[in-house]
Amino acid sequence: MDSSTRCWNDLHIRAKLRLLRMHYESRVGPIGGNLSCLDLLLILHHRVLLPADQFVLSKGHSAGAYYVTLRTLGKLTEQDLSTFHKDGTRLSGHPPTSGIEDILFATGSLGHGFSLAAELALAKRLKGDPGRVFCLTSDGEWNEGSCWEALIFAKHHGLKNLTLLVDLNGLQGFGATREVADLGPLAAKFRSFGLPTLEVDGHECDELERALRAQDDGLQVLIARTREGCGVSFMEDRMEWQGLGLRSPHSLCYDIAHGVAQAIDRGS
């Protein structure tokens, strides 16, 4: 394993542990959807985004994963993360309306982030500004009519500087997405709009990077097939981790994982 791969693996593991620790200390959820999109957020922000690019987190309930990603970039501090979900914090359970430069919008209500991203992309074009706008949605969000209205808007205006990312983990607050409101294969629906649509494994970092870097000049869709609670055996693909916090006896699993990580650090 070369040094760059080793450094990336170290960052990835530390980010995942830091996310678990935030939820463990605050005793709040949701954790599952944060873990399903953390790999994508890390790859996007560390390897793909350029200074002129902008990002909108439409699935606002995954704010924890975004906060941890910003911490790995040095844009938030350990002290910031220690206040997650506490009184007076900037780091609320959903992205705040102000106070963090990289967070452009509060996105607590699902289904609105893609509309905001489309408006940003149009504004960039009208002003002649460089860069792309990337927007991460959940698959369950596409139960919202506003998402499809935004897609119609983006297609109609030919927003070539916009990339839609979908975290396809197959679960939402009340069960499996196919059982709550089955939309069938999302990729086929996006392609019916005439949009280039890629489907990738959302936890294969090299595959994610290649797909994100392969975006041509045009409105693009990237669907990341992910697992709810990825990396934590008792959380993976389990709907209840849409809302549960890390409490006993599950908190013990965090203690064990953290202890193992510390032992590895001492031995490295």
Protein backbone atom coordinates (compact mmCIF):
# COMPACT_ATOMS: atom_id res chain seq x y z
CA MET A 1 0.00 0.00 0.00
CA ASP A 2 1.54 3.35 -1.04
CA SER A 3 1.65 6.35 1.28
CA SER A 4 -1.17 8.26 -0.46
CA THR A 5 -3.52 5.28 -0.19
CA ARG A 6 -2.52 4.79 3.45
CA CYS A 7 -3.22 8.47 4.20
CA TRP A 8 -6.61 8.29 2.48
CA ASN A 9 -7.59 5.14 4.37
CA ASP A 10 -6.56 6.77 7.63
CA LEU A 11 -8.63 9.88 6.88
CA HIS A 12 -11.61 7.74 5.90
CA ILE A 13 -11.51 5.61 9.07
CA ARG A 14 -11.02 8.62 11.33
CA ALA A 15 -13.93 10.45 9.69
CA LYS A 16 -16.25 7.49 10.21
CA LEU A 17 -15.21 7.11 13.85
CA ARG A 18 -15.62 10.85 14.41
CA LEU A 19 -19.12 10.72 12.99
CA LEU A 20 -20.03 7.82 15.30
CA ARG A 21 -18.50 9.65 18.25
CA MET A 22 -20.59 12.77 17.52
CA HIS A 23 -23.78 10.74 17.56
CA TYR A 24 -22.66 8.71 20.56
CA GLU A 25 -21.97 11.83 22.64
CA SER A 26 -25.15 13.63 21.57
CA ARG A 27 -27.34 10.49 21.83
CA VAL A 28 -29.25 11.49 18.69
CA GLY A 29 -29.81 10.08 15.21
CA PRO A 30 -30.11 9.64 12.38
CA ILE A 31 -26.86 7.73 11.82
CA GLY A 32 -27.70 5.31 9.01
CA GLY A 33 -28.17 7.88 6.25
CA ASN A 34 -25.05 9.76 7.37
CA LEU A 35 -22.96 6.62 6.98
CA SER A 36 -24.47 5.84 3.58
CA CYS A 37 -23.27 9.14 2.07
CA LEU A 38 -20.02 9.80 3.99
CA ASP A 39 -17.81 8.12 1.36
CA LEU A 40 -19.34 10.20 -1.41
CA LEU A 41 -18.96 13.44 0.55
CA LEU A 42 -15.31 12.76 1.35
CA ILE A 43 -14.42 11.87 -2.25
CA LEU A 44 -16.31 14.85 -3.65
CA HIS A 45 -14.75 17.39 -1.30
CA HIS A 46 -11.21 16.04 -1.19
CA ARG A 47 -10.70 14.92 -4.78
CA VAL A 48 -13.22 16.58 -7.07
CA LEU A 49 -14.56 19.99 -6.06
CA LEU A 50 -12.71 23.01 -7.46
CA PRO A 51 -12.59 26.45 -5.78
CA ALA A 52 -15.34 27.81 -8.06
CA ASP A 53 -17.67 24.86 -7.47
CA GLN A 54 -20.57 24.88 -5.01
CA PHE A 55 -22.30 22.11 -3.08
CA VAL A 56 -25.84 21.80 -1.72
CA LEU A 57 -26.77 19.07 0.76
CA SER A 58 -30.43 18.50 -0.01
CA LYS A 59 -30.71 15.47 2.33
CA GLY A 60 -30.28 17.75 5.34
CA HIS A 61 -30.69 14.92 7.86
CA SER A 62 -27.14 13.88 6.89
CA ALA A 63 -25.68 17.11 8.20
CA GLY A 64 -23.45 15.14 10.60
CA ALA A 65 -21.57 13.53 7.71
CA TYR A 66 -21.14 16.96 6.12
CA TYR A 67 -19.84 18.49 9.36
CA VAL A 68 -17.27 15.70 9.68
CA THR A 69 -16.25 16.20 6.04
CA LEU A 70 -15.73 19.92 6.68
CA ARG A 71 -13.65 19.01 9.73
CA THR A 72 -11.35 16.85 7.58
CA LEU A 73 -10.83 19.92 5.37
CA GLY A 74 -9.96 22.11 8.37
CA LYS A 75 -13.11 24.21 7.94
CA LEU A 76 -14.56 23.16 11.30
CA THR A 77 -12.73 22.43 14.55
CA GLU A 78 -12.90 19.64 17.11
CA GLN A 79 -14.51 22.14 19.44
CA ASP A 80 -17.21 22.76 16.83
CA LEU A 81 -17.94 19.03 16.51
CA SER A 82 -18.12 18.63 20.29
CA THR A 83 -21.14 21.00 20.30
CA PHE A 84 -23.16 18.93 17.79
CA HIS A 85 -26.87 19.04 18.62
CA LYS A 86 -26.30 20.96 21.88
CA ASP A 87 -27.92 24.20 23.03
CA GLY A 88 -26.46 27.23 21.28
CA THR A 89 -24.55 25.21 18.70
CA ARG A 90 -23.95 26.11 15.07
CA LEU A 91 -24.04 22.39 14.28
CA SER A 92 -27.71 21.55 14.50
CA GLY A 93 -29.23 18.29 13.34
CA HIS A 94 -29.93 19.86 9.96
CA PRO A 95 -27.73 22.44 8.21
CA PRO A 96 -28.05 25.92 9.78
CA THR A 97 -29.25 29.03 8.01
CA SER A 98 -25.98 30.88 8.67
CA GLY A 99 -22.65 30.70 10.45
CA ILE A 100 -20.80 28.14 8.30
CA GLU A 101 -19.41 29.52 5.05
CA ASP A 102 -19.64 26.31 3.04
CA ILE A 103 -23.28 25.68 3.96
CA LEU A 104 -25.30 27.80 1.56
CA PHE A 105 -28.81 26.82 2.64
CA ALA A 106 -30.71 25.30 5.54
CA THR A 107 -32.19 22.10 4.15
CA GLY A 108 -34.23 20.61 6.96
CA SER A 109 -37.30 20.05 4.78
CA LEU A 110 -36.66 17.37 2.17
CA GLY A 111 -37.28 18.02 -1.50
CA HIS A 112 -36.07 21.63 -1.71
CA GLY A 113 -32.30 21.40 -2.07
CA PHE A 114 -32.28 20.46 -5.74
CA SER A 115 -34.46 23.48 -6.58
CA LEU A 116 -31.96 25.72 -4.77
CA ALA A 117 -29.06 24.07 -6.57
CA ALA A 118 -30.74 24.59 -9.94
CA GLU A 119 -31.20 28.27 -9.13
CA LEU A 120 -27.52 28.56 -8.18
CA ALA A 121 -26.51 26.95 -11.46
CA LEU A 122 -28.72 29.33 -13.44
CA ALA A 123 -27.34 32.32 -11.53
CA LYS A 124 -23.77 31.20 -12.31
CA ARG A 125 -24.59 31.02 -16.00
CA LEU A 126 -26.32 34.41 -16.07
CA LYS A 127 -23.34 36.05 -14.34
CA GLY A 128 -20.78 34.18 -16.41
CA ASP A 129 -19.24 32.63 -13.29
CA PRO A 130 -17.13 29.47 -13.59
CA GLY A 131 -17.64 26.21 -11.72
CA ARG A 132 -20.28 23.53 -11.28
CA VAL A 133 -23.00 23.08 -8.70
CA PHE A 134 -23.29 19.64 -7.10
CA CYS A 135 -26.41 18.64 -5.17
CA LEU A 136 -26.80 15.51 -3.04
CA THR A 137 -30.32 14.17 -2.58
CA SER A 138 -31.64 11.01 -0.96
CA ASP A 139 -33.59 8.45 -2.97
CA GLY A 140 -36.61 8.91 -0.68
CA GLU A 141 -36.64 12.62 -1.52
CA TRP A 142 -37.83 11.75 -4.99
CA ASN A 143 -41.24 11.04 -3.48
CA GLU A 144 -41.46 14.86 -3.39
CA GLY A 145 -43.04 16.55 -6.39
CA SER A 146 -40.76 19.55 -5.94
CA CYS A 147 -37.75 17.42 -6.95
CA TRP A 148 -39.34 16.57 -10.28
CA GLU A 149 -40.34 20.21 -10.82
CA ALA A 150 -36.71 21.19 -10.26
CA LEU A 151 -35.58 18.53 -12.74
CA ILE A 152 -37.99 19.89 -15.36
CA PHE A 153 -36.65 23.41 -14.65
CA ALA A 154 -33.01 22.31 -14.94
CA LYS A 155 -33.62 20.40 -18.17
CA HIS A 156 -35.66 23.23 -19.71
CA HIS A 157 -32.98 25.82 -18.96
CA GLY A 158 -30.17 23.55 -20.11
CA LEU A 159 -28.17 23.88 -16.89
CA LYS A 160 -24.93 22.35 -18.13
CA ASN A 161 -23.11 23.31 -14.92
CA LEU A 162 -25.28 21.20 -12.60
CA THR A 163 -24.66 17.68 -11.27
CA LEU A 164 -27.34 15.77 -9.39
CA LEU A 165 -26.12 13.14 -6.93
CA VAL A 166 -28.53 10.55 -5.48
CA ASP A 167 -27.76 8.51 -2.36
CA LEU A 168 -29.67 5.34 -3.25
CA ASN A 169 -29.69 3.44 0.07
CA GLY A 170 -33.20 2.06 -0.40
CA LEU A 171 -34.55 3.20 2.98
CA GLN A 172 -36.45 6.17 4.37
CA GLY A 173 -38.15 7.15 7.59
CA PHE A 174 -41.09 4.75 7.32
CA GLY A 175 -39.50 1.78 5.61
CA ALA A 176 -38.03 0.66 2.31
CA THR A 177 -38.49 3.21 -0.47
CA ARG A 178 -40.03 0.55 -2.71
CA GLU A 179 -42.70 -0.09 -0.05
CA VAL A 180 -43.44 3.52 0.91
CA ALA A 181 -43.80 4.81 -2.66
CA ASP A 182 -42.19 2.63 -5.31
CA LEU A 183 -40.69 4.75 -8.07
CA GLY A 184 -39.12 1.82 -9.88
CA PRO A 185 -35.60 2.27 -11.27
CA LEU A 186 -34.73 5.95 -10.79
CA ALA A 187 -31.99 5.80 -13.41
CA ALA A 188 -34.52 4.97 -16.13
CA LYS A 189 -36.65 7.96 -15.15
CA PHE A 190 -33.71 10.35 -15.26
CA ARG A 191 -32.67 8.95 -18.65
CA SER A 192 -36.22 9.51 -19.91
CA PHE A 193 -35.49 13.23 -19.47
CA GLY A 194 -32.54 12.77 -21.84
CA LEU A 195 -30.01 13.08 -19.01
CA PRO A 196 -26.70 11.18 -18.96
CA THR A 197 -27.02 9.00 -15.85
CA LEU A 198 -24.28 6.94 -14.24
CA GLU A 199 -24.80 4.28 -11.55
CA VAL A 200 -21.89 3.39 -9.29
CA ASP A 201 -21.09 1.62 -6.02
CA GLY A 202 -21.30 4.44 -3.49
CA HIS A 203 -18.70 2.85 -1.23
CA GLU A 204 -16.01 2.13 -3.84
CA CYS A 205 -14.00 5.32 -3.55
CA ASP A 206 -11.98 4.96 -6.77
CA GLU A 207 -15.13 4.18 -8.75
CA LEU A 208 -16.85 7.20 -7.23
CA GLU A 209 -13.94 9.47 -8.08
CA ARG A 210 -13.79 8.28 -11.69
CA ALA A 211 -17.52 8.83 -12.11
CA LEU A 212 -17.43 12.31 -10.55
CA ARG A 213 -14.44 13.34 -12.64
CA ALA A 214 -16.04 11.97 -15.82
CA GLN A 215 -18.79 14.58 -15.71
CA ASP A 216 -18.94 16.28 -19.12
CA ASP A 217 -20.15 19.79 -19.79
CA GLY A 218 -23.85 19.19 -19.33
CA LEU A 219 -26.56 18.45 -16.81
CA GLN A 220 -25.51 15.14 -15.24
CA VAL A 221 -26.94 12.56 -12.83
CA LEU A 222 -24.86 10.23 -10.68
CA ILE A 223 -26.65 7.54 -8.67
CA ALA A 224 -24.60 6.07 -5.82
CA ARG A 225 -25.84 2.66 -4.71
CA THR A 226 -25.18 2.71 -0.98
CA ARG A 227 -25.95 0.86 2.25
CA GLU A 228 -27.70 2.44 5.20
CA GLY A 229 -25.30 2.38 8.16
CA CYS A 230 -22.37 1.31 5.98
CA GLY A 231 -19.43 -0.04 7.96
CA VAL A 232 -21.30 -0.82 11.17
CA SER A 233 -22.59 -4.40 11.08
CA PHE A 234 -25.61 -3.96 13.36
CA MET A 235 -26.74 -0.83 11.45
CA GLU A 236 -26.33 -1.89 7.83
CA ASP A 237 -29.57 -1.91 5.82
CA ARG A 238 -31.70 -1.52 8.96
CA MET A 239 -34.48 1.04 8.79
CA GLU A 240 -34.49 1.85 12.53
CA TRP A 241 -31.10 3.61 12.20
CA GLN A 242 -32.87 6.31 10.25
CA GLY A 243 -33.70 7.72 13.66
CA LEU A 244 -31.98 5.92 16.52
CA GLY A 245 -29.09 7.41 18.46
CA LEU A 246 -26.16 5.40 19.82
CA ARG A 247 -27.38 4.30 23.23
CA SER A 248 -26.73 1.24 25.38
CA PRO A 249 -26.15 -1.52 24.38
CA HIS A 250 -25.15 -0.17 20.96
CA SER A 251 -22.99 2.51 22.57
CA LEU A 252 -20.75 -0.29 23.79
CA CYS A 253 -19.96 -1.12 20.16
CA TYR A 254 -18.68 2.42 19.67
CA ASP A 255 -16.49 2.10 22.76
CA ILE A 256 -14.98 -1.12 21.39
CA ALA A 257 -14.40 0.33 17.91
CA HIS A 258 -12.82 3.45 19.35
CA GLY A 259 -10.54 1.39 21.58
CA VAL A 260 -9.40 -0.72 18.63
CA ALA A 261 -8.69 2.41 16.58
CA GLN A 262 -6.59 3.87 19.39
CA ALA A 263 -4.63 0.62 19.67
CA ILE A 264 -3.94 0.69 15.93
CA ASP A 265 -2.74 4.31 16.22
CA ARG A 266 -0.33 3.38 19.01
CA GLY A 267 1.06 0.53 16.99
CA SER A 268 1.49 2.46 13.73
